[in-house]
Amino acid sequence: RAAAFTLECEIRDEEHTYLTAETLIVAFDLAMNRVRRLTDGEI
């Protein structure tokens, strides 16, 4: 999305899946303490 992305994750080996997860990550400007838009290069 404009300021965030979602990861789908698995921890596994060839035989079994041990964990499935979903992670929402936001682009953030720590200096201004606010969410920012993703850059074209990041996208």
PDB file of all heavy atoms in Angstrom:
ATOM      1  N   ARG A   1       0.854  -1.196   0.000  1.00  0.00           N
ATOM      2  CA  ARG A   1       0.000   0.000   0.000  1.00  0.00           C
ATOM      3  C   ARG A   1       0.884   1.238   0.000  1.00  0.00           C
ATOM      4  O   ARG A   1       2.104   1.125  -0.045  1.00  0.00           O
ATOM      5  CB  ARG A   1      -0.925  -0.032   1.205  1.00  0.00           C
ATOM      6  CG  ARG A   1      -1.924  -1.203   1.125  1.00  0.00           C
ATOM      7  CD  ARG A   1      -2.843  -1.244   2.296  1.00  0.00           C
ATOM      8  NE  ARG A   1      -2.065  -1.664   3.465  1.00  0.00           N
ATOM      9  CZ  ARG A   1      -2.581  -2.026   4.611  1.00  0.00           C
ATOM     10  NH1 ARG A   1      -3.865  -1.995   4.798  1.00  0.00           N
ATOM     11  NH2 ARG A   1      -1.821  -2.405   5.614  1.00  0.00           N
ATOM     12  N   ALA A   2       0.300   2.386   0.085  1.00  0.00           N
ATOM     13  CA  ALA A   2       1.054   3.637  -0.014  1.00  0.00           C
ATOM     14  C   ALA A   2       2.114   3.786   1.074  1.00  0.00           C
ATOM     15  O   ALA A   2       3.207   4.293   0.815  1.00  0.00           O
ATOM     16  CB  ALA A   2       0.094   4.830   0.031  1.00  0.00           C
ATOM     17  N   ALA A   3       1.807   3.338   2.279  1.00  0.00           N
ATOM     18  CA  ALA A   3       2.730   3.533   3.395  1.00  0.00           C
ATOM     19  C   ALA A   3       3.011   2.251   4.171  1.00  0.00           C
ATOM     20  O   ALA A   3       3.601   2.295   5.244  1.00  0.00           O
ATOM     21  CB  ALA A   3       2.165   4.585   4.351  1.00  0.00           C
ATOM     22  N   ALA A   4       2.607   1.111   3.638  1.00  0.00           N
ATOM     23  CA  ALA A   4       2.779  -0.143   4.375  1.00  0.00           C
ATOM     24  C   ALA A   4       2.806  -1.322   3.416  1.00  0.00           C
ATOM     25  O   ALA A   4       2.399  -1.216   2.261  1.00  0.00           O
ATOM     26  CB  ALA A   4       1.634  -0.315   5.367  1.00  0.00           C
ATOM     27  N   PHE A   5       3.279  -2.446   3.941  1.00  0.00           N
ATOM     28  CA  PHE A   5       3.221  -3.699   3.185  1.00  0.00           C
ATOM     29  C   PHE A   5       3.032  -4.854   4.149  1.00  0.00           C
ATOM     30  O   PHE A   5       3.337  -4.747   5.335  1.00  0.00           O
ATOM     31  CB  PHE A   5       4.442  -3.892   2.286  1.00  0.00           C
ATOM     32  CG  PHE A   5       5.767  -3.914   3.000  1.00  0.00           C
ATOM     33  CD1 PHE A   5       6.340  -5.118   3.370  1.00  0.00           C
ATOM     34  CD2 PHE A   5       6.451  -2.734   3.268  1.00  0.00           C
ATOM     35  CE1 PHE A   5       7.568  -5.150   4.008  1.00  0.00           C
ATOM     36  CE2 PHE A   5       7.681  -2.755   3.904  1.00  0.00           C
ATOM     37  CZ  PHE A   5       8.243  -3.958   4.271  1.00  0.00           C
ATOM     38  N   THR A   6       2.497  -5.945   3.618  1.00  0.00           N
ATOM     39  CA  THR A   6       2.215  -7.132   4.414  1.00  0.00           C
ATOM     40  C   THR A   6       3.081  -8.280   3.925  1.00  0.00           C
ATOM     41  O   THR A   6       3.186  -8.516   2.716  1.00  0.00           O
ATOM     42  CB  THR A   6       0.725  -7.522   4.297  1.00  0.00           C
ATOM     43  OG1 THR A   6      -0.065  -6.409   4.704  1.00  0.00           O
ATOM     44  CG2 THR A   6       0.403  -8.724   5.171  1.00  0.00           C
ATOM     45  N   LEU A   7       3.682  -8.982   4.874  1.00  0.00           N
ATOM     46  CA  LEU A   7       4.469 -10.167   4.579  1.00  0.00           C
ATOM     47  C   LEU A   7       3.716 -11.408   5.022  1.00  0.00           C
ATOM     48  O   LEU A   7       3.133 -11.430   6.108  1.00  0.00           O
ATOM     49  CB  LEU A   7       5.798 -10.144   5.340  1.00  0.00           C
ATOM     50  CG  LEU A   7       6.798  -9.061   4.996  1.00  0.00           C
ATOM     51  CD1 LEU A   7       7.990  -9.146   5.944  1.00  0.00           C
ATOM     52  CD2 LEU A   7       7.260  -9.202   3.561  1.00  0.00           C
ATOM     53  N   GLU A   8       3.741 -12.436   4.201  1.00  0.00           N
ATOM     54  CA  GLU A   8       3.260 -13.759   4.600  1.00  0.00           C
ATOM     55  C   GLU A   8       4.500 -14.598   4.845  1.00  0.00           C
ATOM     56  O   GLU A   8       5.426 -14.615   4.015  1.00  0.00           O
ATOM     57  CB  GLU A   8       2.388 -14.368   3.511  1.00  0.00           C
ATOM     58  CG  GLU A   8       1.066 -13.646   3.374  1.00  0.00           C
ATOM     59  CD  GLU A   8       0.182 -14.226   2.287  1.00  0.00           C
ATOM     60  OE1 GLU A   8       0.667 -15.028   1.452  1.00  0.00           O
ATOM     61  OE2 GLU A   8      -0.995 -13.853   2.259  1.00  0.00           O
ATOM     62  N   CYS A   9       4.540 -15.284   5.976  1.00  0.00           N
ATOM     63  CA  CYS A   9       5.752 -15.963   6.416  1.00  0.00           C
ATOM     64  C   CYS A   9       5.464 -17.394   6.837  1.00  0.00           C
ATOM     65  O   CYS A   9       4.370 -17.698   7.323  1.00  0.00           O
ATOM     66  CB  CYS A   9       6.360 -15.239   7.616  1.00  0.00           C
ATOM     67  SG  CYS A   9       6.418 -13.449   7.482  1.00  0.00           S
ATOM     68  N   GLU A  10       6.466 -18.228   6.668  1.00  0.00           N
ATOM     69  CA  GLU A  10       6.422 -19.611   7.155  1.00  0.00           C
ATOM     70  C   GLU A  10       7.787 -19.963   7.708  1.00  0.00           C
ATOM     71  O   GLU A  10       8.809 -19.531   7.165  1.00  0.00           O
ATOM     72  CB  GLU A  10       6.141 -20.602   6.035  1.00  0.00           C
ATOM     73  CG  GLU A  10       4.758 -20.648   5.511  1.00  0.00           C
ATOM     74  CD  GLU A  10       4.610 -21.769   4.482  1.00  0.00           C
ATOM     75  OE1 GLU A  10       5.592 -22.140   3.816  1.00  0.00           O
ATOM     76  OE2 GLU A  10       3.483 -22.266   4.373  1.00  0.00           O
ATOM     77  N   ILE A  11       7.787 -20.750   8.758  1.00  0.00           N
ATOM     78  CA  ILE A  11       9.009 -21.399   9.224  1.00  0.00           C
ATOM     79  C   ILE A  11       8.787 -22.877   8.982  1.00  0.00           C
ATOM     80  O   ILE A  11       7.819 -23.455   9.479  1.00  0.00           O
ATOM     81  CB  ILE A  11       9.301 -21.094  10.701  1.00  0.00           C
ATOM     82  CG1 ILE A  11       9.546 -19.589  10.883  1.00  0.00           C
ATOM     83  CG2 ILE A  11      10.505 -21.911  11.191  1.00  0.00           C
ATOM     84  CD1 ILE A  11       9.783 -19.162  12.316  1.00  0.00           C
ATOM     85  N   ARG A  12       9.690 -23.478   8.188  1.00  0.00           N
ATOM     86  CA  ARG A  12       9.445 -24.850   7.751  1.00  0.00           C
ATOM     87  C   ARG A  12      10.744 -25.556   7.408  1.00  0.00           C
ATOM     88  O   ARG A  12      11.795 -24.937   7.304  1.00  0.00           O
ATOM     89  CB  ARG A  12       8.481 -24.871   6.576  1.00  0.00           C
ATOM     90  CG  ARG A  12       8.970 -24.153   5.319  1.00  0.00           C
ATOM     91  CD  ARG A  12       8.054 -24.350   4.110  1.00  0.00           C
ATOM     92  NE  ARG A  12       7.939 -25.754   3.811  1.00  0.00           N
ATOM     93  CZ  ARG A  12       6.781 -26.457   3.865  1.00  0.00           C
ATOM     94  NH1 ARG A  12       5.663 -25.851   4.149  1.00  0.00           N
ATOM     95  NH2 ARG A  12       6.757 -27.737   3.600  1.00  0.00           N
ATOM     96  N   ASP A  13      10.622 -26.846   7.196  1.00  0.00           N
ATOM     97  CA  ASP A  13      11.687 -27.630   6.589  1.00  0.00           C
ATOM     98  C   ASP A  13      11.046 -28.402   5.442  1.00  0.00           C
ATOM     99  O   ASP A  13       9.917 -28.082   5.038  1.00  0.00           O
ATOM    100  CB  ASP A  13      12.405 -28.531   7.604  1.00  0.00           C
ATOM    101  CG  ASP A  13      11.485 -29.510   8.314  1.00  0.00           C
ATOM    102  OD1 ASP A  13      10.404 -29.867   7.779  1.00  0.00           O
ATOM    103  OD2 ASP A  13      11.844 -29.947   9.431  1.00  0.00           O
ATOM    104  N   GLU A  14      11.718 -29.394   4.925  1.00  0.00           N
ATOM    105  CA  GLU A  14      11.166 -30.124   3.775  1.00  0.00           C
ATOM    106  C   GLU A  14       9.931 -30.939   4.128  1.00  0.00           C
ATOM    107  O   GLU A  14       9.111 -31.233   3.262  1.00  0.00           O
ATOM    108  CB  GLU A  14      12.244 -31.018   3.163  1.00  0.00           C
ATOM    109  CG  GLU A  14      13.339 -30.221   2.485  1.00  0.00           C
ATOM    110  CD  GLU A  14      14.365 -31.107   1.817  1.00  0.00           C
ATOM    111  OE1 GLU A  14      14.128 -32.322   1.674  1.00  0.00           O
ATOM    112  OE2 GLU A  14      15.415 -30.570   1.434  1.00  0.00           O
ATOM    113  N   GLU A  15       9.781 -31.293   5.407  1.00  0.00           N
ATOM    114  CA  GLU A  15       8.663 -32.148   5.810  1.00  0.00           C
ATOM    115  C   GLU A  15       7.521 -31.426   6.516  1.00  0.00           C
ATOM    116  O   GLU A  15       6.367 -31.815   6.363  1.00  0.00           O
ATOM    117  CB  GLU A  15       9.173 -33.255   6.746  1.00  0.00           C
ATOM    118  CG  GLU A  15      10.140 -34.205   6.089  1.00  0.00           C
ATOM    119  CD  GLU A  15      10.633 -35.257   7.065  1.00  0.00           C
ATOM    120  OE1 GLU A  15       9.849 -35.665   7.947  1.00  0.00           O
ATOM    121  OE2 GLU A  15      11.797 -35.661   6.946  1.00  0.00           O
ATOM    122  N   HIS A  16       7.838 -30.390   7.292  1.00  0.00           N
ATOM    123  CA  HIS A  16       6.817 -29.805   8.161  1.00  0.00           C
ATOM    124  C   HIS A  16       6.845 -28.282   8.136  1.00  0.00           C
ATOM    125  O   HIS A  16       7.881 -27.670   7.931  1.00  0.00           O
ATOM    126  CB  HIS A  16       7.030 -30.254   9.613  1.00  0.00           C
ATOM    127  CG  HIS A  16       7.046 -31.724   9.802  1.00  0.00           C
ATOM    128  ND1 HIS A  16       5.939 -32.516   9.636  1.00  0.00           N
ATOM    129  CD2 HIS A  16       8.049 -32.567  10.127  1.00  0.00           C
ATOM    130  CE1 HIS A  16       6.244 -33.771   9.860  1.00  0.00           C
ATOM    131  NE2 HIS A  16       7.532 -33.843  10.151  1.00  0.00           N
ATOM    132  N   THR A  17       5.682 -27.713   8.404  1.00  0.00           N
ATOM    133  CA  THR A  17       5.559 -26.283   8.665  1.00  0.00           C
ATOM    134  C   THR A  17       5.372 -26.122  10.169  1.00  0.00           C
ATOM    135  O   THR A  17       4.503 -26.760  10.767  1.00  0.00           O
ATOM    136  CB  THR A  17       4.351 -25.689   7.915  1.00  0.00           C
ATOM    137  OG1 THR A  17       4.569 -25.879   6.509  1.00  0.00           O
ATOM    138  CG2 THR A  17       4.181 -24.212   8.216  1.00  0.00           C
ATOM    139  N   TYR A  18       6.183 -25.265  10.774  1.00  0.00           N
ATOM    140  CA  TYR A  18       6.156 -25.068  12.220  1.00  0.00           C
ATOM    141  C   TYR A  18       5.397 -23.802  12.617  1.00  0.00           C
ATOM    142  O   TYR A  18       4.857 -23.715  13.709  1.00  0.00           O
ATOM    143  CB  TYR A  18       7.579 -25.019  12.772  1.00  0.00           C
ATOM    144  CG  TYR A  18       8.331 -26.285  12.468  1.00  0.00           C
ATOM    145  CD1 TYR A  18       9.154 -26.377  11.348  1.00  0.00           C
ATOM    146  CD2 TYR A  18       8.173 -27.407  13.268  1.00  0.00           C
ATOM    147  CE1 TYR A  18       9.816 -27.561  11.040  1.00  0.00           C
ATOM    148  CE2 TYR A  18       8.835 -28.595  12.964  1.00  0.00           C
ATOM    149  CZ  TYR A  18       9.645 -28.664  11.854  1.00  0.00           C
ATOM    150  OH  TYR A  18      10.289 -29.838  11.547  1.00  0.00           O
ATOM    151  N   LEU A  19       5.363 -22.846  11.703  1.00  0.00           N
ATOM    152  CA  LEU A  19       4.716 -21.574  11.993  1.00  0.00           C
ATOM    153  C   LEU A  19       4.271 -20.929  10.693  1.00  0.00           C
ATOM    154  O   LEU A  19       4.982 -20.996   9.688  1.00  0.00           O
ATOM    155  CB  LEU A  19       5.720 -20.626  12.693  1.00  0.00           C
ATOM    156  CG  LEU A  19       5.205 -19.207  12.922  1.00  0.00           C
ATOM    157  CD1 LEU A  19       4.780 -19.054  14.365  1.00  0.00           C
ATOM    158  CD2 LEU A  19       6.252 -18.183  12.571  1.00  0.00           C
ATOM    159  N   THR A  20       3.094 -20.328  10.720  1.00  0.00           N
ATOM    160  CA  THR A  20       2.684 -19.407   9.661  1.00  0.00           C
ATOM    161  C   THR A  20       2.456 -18.062  10.336  1.00  0.00           C
ATOM    162  O   THR A  20       2.040 -18.002  11.507  1.00  0.00           O
ATOM    163  CB  THR A  20       1.408 -19.867   8.918  1.00  0.00           C
ATOM    164  OG1 THR A  20       0.344 -20.000   9.862  1.00  0.00           O
ATOM    165  CG2 THR A  20       1.643 -21.186   8.209  1.00  0.00           C
ATOM    166  N   ALA A  21       2.754 -16.996   9.637  1.00  0.00           N
ATOM    167  CA  ALA A  21       2.636 -15.670  10.244  1.00  0.00           C
ATOM    168  C   ALA A  21       2.308 -14.641   9.179  1.00  0.00           C
ATOM    169  O   ALA A  21       2.559 -14.844   7.983  1.00  0.00           O
ATOM    170  CB  ALA A  21       3.934 -15.288  10.948  1.00  0.00           C
ATOM    171  N   GLU A  22       1.749 -13.550   9.638  1.00  0.00           N
ATOM    172  CA  GLU A  22       1.498 -12.394   8.780  1.00  0.00           C
ATOM    173  C   GLU A  22       2.006 -11.171   9.526  1.00  0.00           C
ATOM    174  O   GLU A  22       1.726 -11.011  10.723  1.00  0.00           O
ATOM    175  CB  GLU A  22       0.011 -12.264   8.475  1.00  0.00           C
ATOM    176  CG  GLU A  22      -0.278 -11.192   7.444  1.00  0.00           C
ATOM    177  CD  GLU A  22      -1.725 -11.197   7.017  1.00  0.00           C
ATOM    178  OE1 GLU A  22      -2.096 -12.043   6.191  1.00  0.00           O
ATOM    179  OE2 GLU A  22      -2.467 -10.351   7.544  1.00  0.00           O
ATOM    180  N   THR A  23       2.781 -10.349   8.830  1.00  0.00           N
ATOM    181  CA  THR A  23       3.397  -9.181   9.448  1.00  0.00           C
ATOM    182  C   THR A  23       3.053  -7.941   8.629  1.00  0.00           C
ATOM    183  O   THR A  23       3.295  -7.914   7.419  1.00  0.00           O
ATOM    184  CB  THR A  23       4.933  -9.345   9.525  1.00  0.00           C
ATOM    185  OG1 THR A  23       5.238 -10.580  10.172  1.00  0.00           O
ATOM    186  CG2 THR A  23       5.568  -8.203  10.283  1.00  0.00           C
ATOM    187  N   LEU A  24       2.504  -6.929   9.294  1.00  0.00           N
ATOM    188  CA  LEU A  24       2.231  -5.634   8.667  1.00  0.00           C
ATOM    189  C   LEU A  24       3.361  -4.694   9.047  1.00  0.00           C
ATOM    190  O   LEU A  24       3.635  -4.476  10.237  1.00  0.00           O
ATOM    191  CB  LEU A  24       0.893  -5.070   9.140  1.00  0.00           C
ATOM    192  CG  LEU A  24       0.557  -3.664   8.645  1.00  0.00           C
ATOM    193  CD1 LEU A  24       0.402  -3.645   7.128  1.00  0.00           C
ATOM    194  CD2 LEU A  24      -0.688  -3.140   9.338  1.00  0.00           C
ATOM    195  N   ILE A  25       4.023  -4.153   8.038  1.00  0.00           N
ATOM    196  CA  ILE A  25       5.143  -3.246   8.248  1.00  0.00           C
ATOM    197  C   ILE A  25       4.800  -1.888   7.666  1.00  0.00           C
ATOM    198  O   ILE A  25       4.312  -1.799   6.528  1.00  0.00           O
ATOM    199  CB  ILE A  25       6.425  -3.807   7.602  1.00  0.00           C
ATOM    200  CG1 ILE A  25       6.747  -5.148   8.258  1.00  0.00           C
ATOM    201  CG2 ILE A  25       7.574  -2.823   7.727  1.00  0.00           C
ATOM    202  CD1 ILE A  25       7.944  -5.844   7.710  1.00  0.00           C
ATOM    203  N   VAL A  26       5.034  -0.843   8.442  1.00  0.00           N
ATOM    204  CA  VAL A  26       4.765   0.517   7.965  1.00  0.00           C
ATOM    205  C   VAL A  26       6.082   1.251   7.736  1.00  0.00           C
ATOM    206  O   VAL A  26       7.059   1.048   8.458  1.00  0.00           O
ATOM    207  CB  VAL A  26       3.875   1.327   8.943  1.00  0.00           C
ATOM    208  CG1 VAL A  26       2.508   0.706   9.070  1.00  0.00           C
ATOM    209  CG2 VAL A  26       4.519   1.459  10.296  1.00  0.00           C
ATOM    210  N   ALA A  27       6.093   2.075   6.709  1.00  0.00           N
ATOM    211  CA  ALA A  27       7.220   2.964   6.468  1.00  0.00           C
ATOM    212  C   ALA A  27       7.119   4.085   7.498  1.00  0.00           C
ATOM    213  O   ALA A  27       6.033   4.626   7.728  1.00  0.00           O
ATOM    214  CB  ALA A  27       7.147   3.521   5.042  1.00  0.00           C
ATOM    215  N   PHE A  28       8.236   4.417   8.134  1.00  0.00           N
ATOM    216  CA  PHE A  28       8.168   5.345   9.260  1.00  0.00           C
ATOM    217  C   PHE A  28       9.339   6.307   9.258  1.00  0.00           C
ATOM    218  O   PHE A  28      10.479   5.927   8.983  1.00  0.00           O
ATOM    219  CB  PHE A  28       8.154   4.551  10.581  1.00  0.00           C
ATOM    220  CG  PHE A  28       7.556   5.293  11.723  1.00  0.00           C
ATOM    221  CD1 PHE A  28       6.180   5.361  11.875  1.00  0.00           C
ATOM    222  CD2 PHE A  28       8.356   5.931  12.645  1.00  0.00           C
ATOM    223  CE1 PHE A  28       5.609   6.053  12.934  1.00  0.00           C
ATOM    224  CE2 PHE A  28       7.797   6.630  13.710  1.00  0.00           C
ATOM    225  CZ  PHE A  28       6.425   6.689  13.856  1.00  0.00           C
ATOM    226  N   ASP A  29       9.043   7.564   9.555  1.00  0.00           N
ATOM    227  CA  ASP A  29      10.037   8.614   9.710  1.00  0.00           C
ATOM    228  C   ASP A  29      10.249   8.786  11.213  1.00  0.00           C
ATOM    229  O   ASP A  29       9.400   9.358  11.909  1.00  0.00           O
ATOM    230  CB  ASP A  29       9.523   9.905   9.068  1.00  0.00           C
ATOM    231  CG  ASP A  29      10.498  11.063   9.173  1.00  0.00           C
ATOM    232  OD1 ASP A  29      11.319  11.096  10.122  1.00  0.00           O
ATOM    233  OD2 ASP A  29      10.430  11.961   8.312  1.00  0.00           O
ATOM    234  N   LEU A  30      11.360   8.251  11.726  1.00  0.00           N
ATOM    235  CA  LEU A  30      11.626   8.323  13.162  1.00  0.00           C
ATOM    236  C   LEU A  30      11.928   9.749  13.620  1.00  0.00           C
ATOM    237  O   LEU A  30      11.618  10.111  14.746  1.00  0.00           O
ATOM    238  CB  LEU A  30      12.790   7.397  13.533  1.00  0.00           C
ATOM    239  CG  LEU A  30      12.518   5.907  13.385  1.00  0.00           C
ATOM    240  CD1 LEU A  30      13.815   5.112  13.495  1.00  0.00           C
ATOM    241  CD2 LEU A  30      11.527   5.444  14.429  1.00  0.00           C
ATOM    242  N   ALA A  31      12.533  10.560  12.751  1.00  0.00           N
ATOM    243  CA  ALA A  31      12.849  11.944  13.114  1.00  0.00           C
ATOM    244  C   ALA A  31      11.581  12.757  13.342  1.00  0.00           C
ATOM    245  O   ALA A  31      11.508  13.567  14.269  1.00  0.00           O
ATOM    246  CB  ALA A  31      13.717  12.589  12.039  1.00  0.00           C
ATOM    247  N   MET A  32      10.561  12.535  12.512  1.00  0.00           N
ATOM    248  CA  MET A  32       9.293  13.259  12.637  1.00  0.00           C
ATOM    249  C   MET A  32       8.266  12.481  13.464  1.00  0.00           C
ATOM    250  O   MET A  32       7.185  12.990  13.744  1.00  0.00           O
ATOM    251  CB  MET A  32       8.718  13.551  11.244  1.00  0.00           C
ATOM    252  CG  MET A  32       9.611  14.417  10.376  1.00  0.00           C
ATOM    253  SD  MET A  32       9.812  16.078  11.030  1.00  0.00           S
ATOM    254  CE  MET A  32       8.204  16.740  10.693  1.00  0.00           C
ATOM    255  N   ASN A  33       8.585  11.220  13.787  1.00  0.00           N
ATOM    256  CA  ASN A  33       7.697  10.355  14.561  1.00  0.00           C
ATOM    257  C   ASN A  33       6.332  10.188  13.891  1.00  0.00           C
ATOM    258  O   ASN A  33       5.287  10.361  14.511  1.00  0.00           O
ATOM    259  CB  ASN A  33       7.543  10.862  16.001  1.00  0.00           C
ATOM    260  CG  ASN A  33       6.985   9.796  16.911  1.00  0.00           C
ATOM    261  OD1 ASN A  33       7.271   8.612  16.732  1.00  0.00           O
ATOM    262  ND2 ASN A  33       6.181  10.197  17.870  1.00  0.00           N
ATOM    263  N   ARG A  34       6.389   9.826  12.589  1.00  0.00           N
ATOM    264  CA  ARG A  34       5.137   9.640  11.854  1.00  0.00           C
ATOM    265  C   ARG A  34       5.328   8.664  10.699  1.00  0.00           C
ATOM    266  O   ARG A  34       6.434   8.432  10.226  1.00  0.00           O
ATOM    267  CB  ARG A  34       4.591  10.959  11.338  1.00  0.00           C
ATOM    268  CG  ARG A  34       5.469  11.652  10.328  1.00  0.00           C
ATOM    269  CD  ARG A  34       4.864  12.981   9.863  1.00  0.00           C
ATOM    270  NE  ARG A  34       5.783  13.727   9.049  1.00  0.00           N
ATOM    271  CZ  ARG A  34       5.905  13.596   7.730  1.00  0.00           C
ATOM    272  NH1 ARG A  34       5.143  12.760   7.070  1.00  0.00           N
ATOM    273  NH2 ARG A  34       6.771  14.317   7.059  1.00  0.00           N
ATOM    274  N   VAL A  35       4.210   8.118  10.271  1.00  0.00           N
ATOM    275  CA  VAL A  35       4.195   7.241   9.105  1.00  0.00           C
ATOM    276  C   VAL A  35       4.552   8.072   7.873  1.00  0.00           C
ATOM    277  O   VAL A  35       4.218   9.258   7.781  1.00  0.00           O
ATOM    278  CB  VAL A  35       2.795   6.595   8.952  1.00  0.00           C
ATOM    279  CG1 VAL A  35       2.686   5.801   7.669  1.00  0.00           C
ATOM    280  CG2 VAL A  35       2.492   5.716  10.159  1.00  0.00           C
ATOM    281  N   ARG A  36       5.226   7.461   6.928  1.00  0.00           N
ATOM    282  CA  ARG A  36       5.591   8.124   5.667  1.00  0.00           C
ATOM    283  C   ARG A  36       5.180   7.223   4.507  1.00  0.00           C
ATOM    284  O   ARG A  36       4.857   6.064   4.684  1.00  0.00           O
ATOM    285  CB  ARG A  36       7.096   8.385   5.622  1.00  0.00           C
ATOM    286  CG  ARG A  36       7.900   7.097   5.611  1.00  0.00           C
ATOM    287  CD  ARG A  36       9.397   7.343   5.444  1.00  0.00           C
ATOM    288  NE  ARG A  36      10.119   6.088   5.451  1.00  0.00           N
ATOM    289  CZ  ARG A  36      10.279   5.289   4.407  1.00  0.00           C
ATOM    290  NH1 ARG A  36       9.769   5.610   3.226  1.00  0.00           N
ATOM    291  NH2 ARG A  36      10.943   4.148   4.502  1.00  0.00           N
ATOM    292  N   ARG A  37       5.201   7.763   3.326  1.00  0.00           N
ATOM    293  CA  ARG A  37       4.890   6.977   2.127  1.00  0.00           C
ATOM    294  C   ARG A  37       6.123   6.180   1.703  1.00  0.00           C
ATOM    295  O   ARG A  37       7.258   6.605   1.891  1.00  0.00           O
ATOM    296  CB  ARG A  37       4.456   7.903   0.985  1.00  0.00           C
ATOM    297  CG  ARG A  37       3.140   8.614   1.259  1.00  0.00           C
ATOM    298  CD  ARG A  37       2.730   9.498   0.106  1.00  0.00           C
ATOM    299  NE  ARG A  37       2.307   8.744  -1.056  1.00  0.00           N
ATOM    300  CZ  ARG A  37       1.095   8.229  -1.236  1.00  0.00           C
ATOM    301  NH1 ARG A  37       0.182   8.357  -0.300  1.00  0.00           N
ATOM    302  NH2 ARG A  37       0.794   7.579  -2.337  1.00  0.00           N
ATOM    303  N   LEU A  38       5.876   5.015   1.125  1.00  0.00           N
ATOM    304  CA  LEU A  38       6.955   4.234   0.534  1.00  0.00           C
ATOM    305  C   LEU A  38       7.492   4.973  -0.693  1.00  0.00           C
ATOM    306  O   LEU A  38       6.716   5.580  -1.444  1.00  0.00           O
ATOM    307  CB  LEU A  38       6.444   2.859   0.100  1.00  0.00           C
ATOM    308  CG  LEU A  38       6.102   1.884   1.226  1.00  0.00           C
ATOM    309  CD1 LEU A  38       5.268   0.732   0.697  1.00  0.00           C
ATOM    310  CD2 LEU A  38       7.365   1.373   1.891  1.00  0.00           C
ATOM    311  N   THR A  39       8.792   4.905  -0.912  1.00  0.00           N
ATOM    312  CA  THR A  39       9.378   5.523  -2.100  1.00  0.00           C
ATOM    313  C   THR A  39       9.221   4.572  -3.292  1.00  0.00           C
ATOM    314  O   THR A  39       8.978   3.372  -3.121  1.00  0.00           O
ATOM    315  CB  THR A  39      10.881   5.809  -1.891  1.00  0.00           C
ATOM    316  OG1 THR A  39      11.576   4.564  -1.778  1.00  0.00           O
ATOM    317  CG2 THR A  39      11.115   6.678  -0.656  1.00  0.00           C
ATOM    318  N   ASP A  40       9.396   5.089  -4.479  1.00  0.00           N
ATOM    319  CA  ASP A  40       9.336   4.247  -5.683  1.00  0.00           C
ATOM    320  C   ASP A  40      10.394   3.146  -5.630  1.00  0.00           C
ATOM    321  O   ASP A  40      10.137   2.010  -6.019  1.00  0.00           O
ATOM    322  CB  ASP A  40       9.516   5.091  -6.947  1.00  0.00           C
ATOM    323  CG  ASP A  40       8.327   5.995  -7.219  1.00  0.00           C
ATOM    324  OD1 ASP A  40       7.228   5.726  -6.685  1.00  0.00           O
ATOM    325  OD2 ASP A  40       8.495   6.975  -7.972  1.00  0.00           O
ATOM    326  N   GLY A  41      11.585   3.480  -5.145  1.00  0.00           N
ATOM    327  CA  GLY A  41      12.650   2.489  -5.032  1.00  0.00           C
ATOM    328  C   GLY A  41      12.297   1.379  -4.044  1.00  0.00           C
ATOM    329  O   GLY A  41      12.593   0.207  -4.287  1.00  0.00           O
ATOM    330  N   GLU A  42      11.665   1.730  -2.947  1.00  0.00           N
ATOM    331  CA  GLU A  42      11.241   0.728  -1.971  1.00  0.00           C
ATOM    332  C   GLU A  42      10.170  -0.188  -2.559  1.00  0.00           C
ATOM    333  O   GLU A  42      10.211  -1.405  -2.390  1.00  0.00           O
ATOM    334  CB  GLU A  42      10.727   1.414  -0.706  1.00  0.00           C
ATOM    335  CG  GLU A  42      11.827   2.084   0.092  1.00  0.00           C
ATOM    336  CD  GLU A  42      11.332   3.029   1.164  1.00  0.00           C
ATOM    337  OE1 GLU A  42      10.163   3.491   1.099  1.00  0.00           O
ATOM    338  OE2 GLU A  42      12.111   3.322   2.084  1.00  0.00           O
ATOM    339  N   ILE A  43       9.245   0.404  -3.297  1.00  0.00           N
ATOM    340  CA  ILE A  43       8.188  -0.396  -3.927  1.00  0.00           C
ATOM    341  C   ILE A  43       8.789  -1.354  -4.948  1.00  0.00           C
ATOM    342  O   ILE A  43       8.406  -2.526  -5.016  1.00  0.00           O
ATOM    343  CB  ILE A  43       7.115   0.513  -4.551  1.00  0.00           C
ATOM    344  CG1 ILE A  43       6.349   1.250  -3.432  1.00  0.00           C
ATOM    345  CG2 ILE A  43       6.165  -0.283  -5.448  1.00  0.00           C
ATOM    346  CD1 ILE A  43       5.451   2.360  -3.910  1.00  0.00           C
TER     347      ILE A  43
END
